[in-house]
Amino acid sequence: MKKKFEYDDWIMSIDDIKSTVKVTKENETRTYKLNGQIVNTVQENEYVDIHVDDGNFYSFKFEIEDALIADIYDQNEEFVDTFACFYFGEE
């Protein structure tokens, strides 16, 4: 199942089957492959949390200044690692 989330001029498309996330801003797109099968997605303002079948979740944040940050948290909601950090429009 494909899902789409929007925040300001950000667009995020999630493919549950392929466990991929595409983020677009200002005609630039980045694609991220997640580890595990996506089981749930939740958007709250500039945050999109994507839960996977091992109990962990990825938290994507649409930052000011065209930055995208994505962190991984474990099943206890403890920070594990930064998964992505990218500034759109700088290439």
N, C-alpha and C. Protein backbone atom coordinates (compact mmCIF):
# COMPACT_ATOMS: atom_id res chain seq x y z
N MET A 1 0.83 -1.17 0.00
CA MET A 1 0.00 0.00 0.00
C MET A 1 0.89 1.25 0.00
N LYS A 2 0.52 2.21 -0.80
CA LYS A 2 1.28 3.45 -0.86
C LYS A 2 0.53 4.54 -0.10
N LYS A 3 1.30 5.34 0.63
CA LYS A 3 0.74 6.43 1.41
C LYS A 3 1.47 7.72 1.06
N LYS A 4 0.78 8.83 1.22
CA LYS A 4 1.37 10.13 0.91
C LYS A 4 1.12 11.08 2.07
N PHE A 5 2.18 11.77 2.47
CA PHE A 5 2.09 12.77 3.52
C PHE A 5 2.62 14.09 2.98
N GLU A 6 2.02 15.18 3.42
CA GLU A 6 2.48 16.50 3.00
C GLU A 6 2.62 17.42 4.20
N TYR A 7 3.61 18.29 4.14
CA TYR A 7 3.81 19.31 5.16
C TYR A 7 4.45 20.51 4.48
N ASP A 8 3.81 21.66 4.55
CA ASP A 8 4.25 22.84 3.80
C ASP A 8 4.50 22.43 2.35
N ASP A 9 5.71 22.61 1.85
CA ASP A 9 6.00 22.21 0.47
C ASP A 9 6.80 20.91 0.39
N TRP A 10 6.75 20.11 1.45
CA TRP A 10 7.36 18.79 1.47
C TRP A 10 6.32 17.75 1.04
N ILE A 11 6.76 16.72 0.32
CA ILE A 11 5.90 15.60 -0.03
C ILE A 11 6.66 14.30 0.28
N MET A 12 6.02 13.42 1.03
CA MET A 12 6.62 12.12 1.34
C MET A 12 5.68 11.03 0.84
N SER A 13 6.25 10.10 0.05
CA SER A 13 5.50 8.95 -0.43
C SER A 13 6.12 7.70 0.16
N ILE A 14 5.28 6.85 0.75
CA ILE A 14 5.76 5.64 1.41
C ILE A 14 5.17 4.43 0.71
N ASP A 15 6.03 3.48 0.37
CA ASP A 15 5.61 2.23 -0.23
C ASP A 15 5.80 1.13 0.81
N ASP A 16 4.70 0.67 1.40
CA ASP A 16 4.77 -0.35 2.45
C ASP A 16 5.34 -1.67 1.94
N ILE A 17 5.06 -2.02 0.71
CA ILE A 17 5.51 -3.30 0.15
C ILE A 17 7.03 -3.31 -0.04
N LYS A 18 7.58 -2.25 -0.60
CA LYS A 18 9.02 -2.17 -0.86
C LYS A 18 9.80 -1.59 0.31
N SER A 19 9.11 -1.10 1.34
CA SER A 19 9.73 -0.44 2.50
C SER A 19 10.62 0.72 2.05
N THR A 20 10.08 1.53 1.15
CA THR A 20 10.82 2.70 0.68
C THR A 20 10.07 3.98 1.01
N VAL A 21 10.85 5.04 1.16
CA VAL A 21 10.32 6.37 1.44
C VAL A 21 10.92 7.32 0.43
N LYS A 22 10.08 8.06 -0.29
CA LYS A 22 10.54 9.09 -1.22
C LYS A 22 10.13 10.44 -0.65
N VAL A 23 11.10 11.34 -0.57
CA VAL A 23 10.85 12.68 -0.06
C VAL A 23 11.18 13.67 -1.16
N THR A 24 10.24 14.58 -1.44
CA THR A 24 10.41 15.57 -2.49
C THR A 24 10.23 16.97 -1.91
N LYS A 25 11.13 17.85 -2.32
CA LYS A 25 11.04 19.27 -1.98
C LYS A 25 11.69 20.05 -3.10
N GLU A 26 10.98 21.04 -3.60
CA GLU A 26 11.50 21.92 -4.66
C GLU A 26 12.08 21.13 -5.84
N ASN A 27 11.32 20.17 -6.35
CA ASN A 27 11.70 19.37 -7.53
C ASN A 27 12.94 18.50 -7.32
N GLU A 28 13.31 18.26 -6.10
CA GLU A 28 14.42 17.35 -5.79
C GLU A 28 13.85 16.20 -4.97
N THR A 29 14.21 14.96 -5.33
CA THR A 29 13.67 13.79 -4.64
C THR A 29 14.80 12.90 -4.14
N ARG A 30 14.63 12.41 -2.91
CA ARG A 30 15.55 11.44 -2.32
C ARG A 30 14.74 10.21 -1.96
N THR A 31 15.33 9.03 -2.16
CA THR A 31 14.66 7.77 -1.82
C THR A 31 15.47 7.05 -0.75
N TYR A 32 14.75 6.54 0.25
CA TYR A 32 15.38 5.83 1.36
C TYR A 32 14.76 4.44 1.49
N LYS A 33 15.61 3.44 1.69
CA LYS A 33 15.17 2.06 1.91
C LYS A 33 15.26 1.77 3.40
N LEU A 34 14.15 1.33 3.97
CA LEU A 34 14.11 1.03 5.40
C LEU A 34 14.37 -0.44 5.64
N ASN A 35 14.95 -0.76 6.80
CA ASN A 35 15.15 -2.16 7.20
C ASN A 35 13.88 -2.62 7.89
N GLY A 36 13.33 -3.71 7.42
CA GLY A 36 12.11 -4.26 8.00
C GLY A 36 10.88 -3.87 7.21
N GLN A 37 9.80 -4.57 7.49
CA GLN A 37 8.52 -4.31 6.83
C GLN A 37 7.79 -3.21 7.58
N ILE A 38 7.26 -2.25 6.85
CA ILE A 38 6.52 -1.14 7.47
C ILE A 38 5.17 -1.66 7.98
N VAL A 39 4.87 -1.37 9.24
CA VAL A 39 3.61 -1.82 9.83
C VAL A 39 2.68 -0.66 10.20
N ASN A 40 3.23 0.55 10.36
CA ASN A 40 2.39 1.68 10.74
C ASN A 40 3.12 2.99 10.43
N THR A 41 2.36 3.99 10.04
CA THR A 41 2.91 5.33 9.82
C THR A 41 1.99 6.36 10.46
N VAL A 42 2.61 7.37 11.08
CA VAL A 42 1.86 8.41 11.77
C VAL A 42 2.51 9.76 11.47
N GLN A 43 1.70 10.75 11.08
CA GLN A 43 2.22 12.10 10.88
C GLN A 43 1.65 13.01 11.96
N GLU A 44 2.54 13.79 12.56
CA GLU A 44 2.13 14.85 13.48
C GLU A 44 2.96 16.08 13.14
N ASN A 45 2.29 17.02 12.46
CA ASN A 45 2.95 18.25 12.00
C ASN A 45 4.15 17.92 11.12
N GLU A 46 5.34 18.37 11.50
CA GLU A 46 6.52 18.17 10.65
C GLU A 46 7.19 16.81 10.86
N TYR A 47 6.64 15.97 11.70
CA TYR A 47 7.19 14.63 11.96
C TYR A 47 6.36 13.55 11.28
N VAL A 48 7.06 12.56 10.71
CA VAL A 48 6.42 11.34 10.23
C VAL A 48 7.17 10.18 10.85
N ASP A 49 6.48 9.38 11.66
CA ASP A 49 7.08 8.20 12.28
C ASP A 49 6.63 6.97 11.51
N ILE A 50 7.63 6.15 11.17
CA ILE A 50 7.37 4.93 10.40
C ILE A 50 7.83 3.74 11.23
N HIS A 51 6.88 2.93 11.67
CA HIS A 51 7.16 1.77 12.51
C HIS A 51 7.37 0.55 11.63
N VAL A 52 8.40 -0.25 11.98
CA VAL A 52 8.70 -1.47 11.23
C VAL A 52 8.49 -2.69 12.12
N ASP A 53 8.48 -3.86 11.49
CA ASP A 53 8.08 -5.09 12.16
C ASP A 53 9.03 -5.59 13.25
N ASP A 54 10.21 -5.03 13.40
CA ASP A 54 11.10 -5.45 14.49
C ASP A 54 10.88 -4.63 15.76
N GLY A 55 9.90 -3.72 15.73
CA GLY A 55 9.59 -2.90 16.90
C GLY A 55 10.25 -1.54 16.88
N ASN A 56 11.23 -1.36 16.02
CA ASN A 56 11.90 -0.06 15.90
C ASN A 56 11.04 0.88 15.06
N PHE A 57 11.40 2.18 15.08
CA PHE A 57 10.73 3.12 14.18
C PHE A 57 11.69 4.19 13.71
N TYR A 58 11.39 4.70 12.53
CA TYR A 58 12.13 5.80 11.92
C TYR A 58 11.32 7.06 12.12
N SER A 59 11.96 8.12 12.59
CA SER A 59 11.28 9.40 12.77
C SER A 59 11.88 10.41 11.79
N PHE A 60 11.10 10.78 10.78
CA PHE A 60 11.52 11.77 9.79
C PHE A 60 11.00 13.14 10.22
N LYS A 61 11.86 14.15 10.14
CA LYS A 61 11.45 15.51 10.48
C LYS A 61 11.78 16.44 9.32
N PHE A 62 10.78 17.20 8.90
CA PHE A 62 10.97 18.23 7.88
C PHE A 62 11.41 19.49 8.60
N GLU A 63 12.67 19.86 8.45
CA GLU A 63 13.25 21.00 9.15
C GLU A 63 13.10 22.29 8.35
N ILE A 64 13.28 23.41 9.03
CA ILE A 64 13.39 24.68 8.33
C ILE A 64 14.71 24.68 7.56
N GLU A 65 14.87 25.61 6.66
CA GLU A 65 16.08 25.69 5.82
C GLU A 65 16.23 24.46 4.92
N ASP A 66 15.12 23.80 4.57
CA ASP A 66 15.10 22.70 3.59
C ASP A 66 15.88 21.46 4.01
N ALA A 67 15.98 21.21 5.30
CA ALA A 67 16.70 20.03 5.79
C ALA A 67 15.72 18.91 6.14
N LEU A 68 16.16 17.69 5.88
CA LEU A 68 15.42 16.50 6.28
C LEU A 68 16.32 15.71 7.23
N ILE A 69 15.77 15.37 8.38
CA ILE A 69 16.50 14.57 9.36
C ILE A 69 15.67 13.32 9.63
N ALA A 70 16.33 12.15 9.68
CA ALA A 70 15.63 10.91 10.03
C ALA A 70 16.48 10.15 11.04
N ASP A 71 15.86 9.82 12.16
CA ASP A 71 16.53 9.08 13.23
C ASP A 71 15.84 7.74 13.42
N ILE A 72 16.59 6.77 13.94
CA ILE A 72 16.06 5.46 14.26
C ILE A 72 15.94 5.36 15.79
N TYR A 73 14.80 4.84 16.24
CA TYR A 73 14.55 4.61 17.66
C TYR A 73 14.20 3.15 17.86
N ASP A 74 14.57 2.61 19.04
CA ASP A 74 14.23 1.22 19.32
C ASP A 74 12.83 1.11 19.91
N GLN A 75 12.43 -0.11 20.25
CA GLN A 75 11.08 -0.36 20.74
C GLN A 75 10.79 0.33 22.08
N ASN A 76 11.85 0.78 22.78
CA ASN A 76 11.68 1.53 24.03
C ASN A 76 11.73 3.03 23.80
N GLU A 77 11.69 3.43 22.52
CA GLU A 77 11.75 4.84 22.10
C GLU A 77 13.07 5.51 22.47
N GLU A 78 14.13 4.70 22.55
CA GLU A 78 15.48 5.21 22.80
C GLU A 78 16.16 5.46 21.45
N PHE A 79 16.85 6.59 21.34
CA PHE A 79 17.58 6.93 20.12
C PHE A 79 18.63 5.87 19.83
N VAL A 80 18.70 5.42 18.56
CA VAL A 80 19.69 4.43 18.13
C VAL A 80 20.74 5.07 17.24
N ASP A 81 20.30 5.79 16.20
CA ASP A 81 21.23 6.35 15.22
C ASP A 81 20.51 7.35 14.32
N THR A 82 21.28 8.20 13.67
CA THR A 82 20.73 9.06 12.63
C THR A 82 20.79 8.30 11.32
N PHE A 83 19.65 8.20 10.66
CA PHE A 83 19.50 7.42 9.44
C PHE A 83 19.75 8.29 8.20
N ALA A 84 19.32 9.54 8.24
CA ALA A 84 19.46 10.44 7.09
C ALA A 84 19.56 11.88 7.56
N CYS A 85 20.34 12.64 6.83
CA CYS A 85 20.46 14.08 7.06
C CYS A 85 20.80 14.68 5.70
N PHE A 86 19.86 15.46 5.15
CA PHE A 86 20.08 15.98 3.81
C PHE A 86 19.46 17.36 3.68
N TYR A 87 20.19 18.26 3.03
CA TYR A 87 19.68 19.61 2.72
C TYR A 87 19.27 19.66 1.27
N PHE A 88 18.01 19.87 1.01
CA PHE A 88 17.49 19.94 -0.35
C PHE A 88 17.87 21.28 -0.99
N GLY A 89 18.10 21.24 -2.29
CA GLY A 89 18.40 22.45 -3.04
C GLY A 89 19.86 22.87 -3.04
N GLU A 90 20.74 22.03 -2.50
CA GLU A 90 22.16 22.40 -2.44
C GLU A 90 23.01 21.71 -3.51
N GLU A 91 22.41 20.81 -4.29
CA GLU A 91 23.21 20.11 -5.31
C GLU A 91 23.30 20.91 -6.58
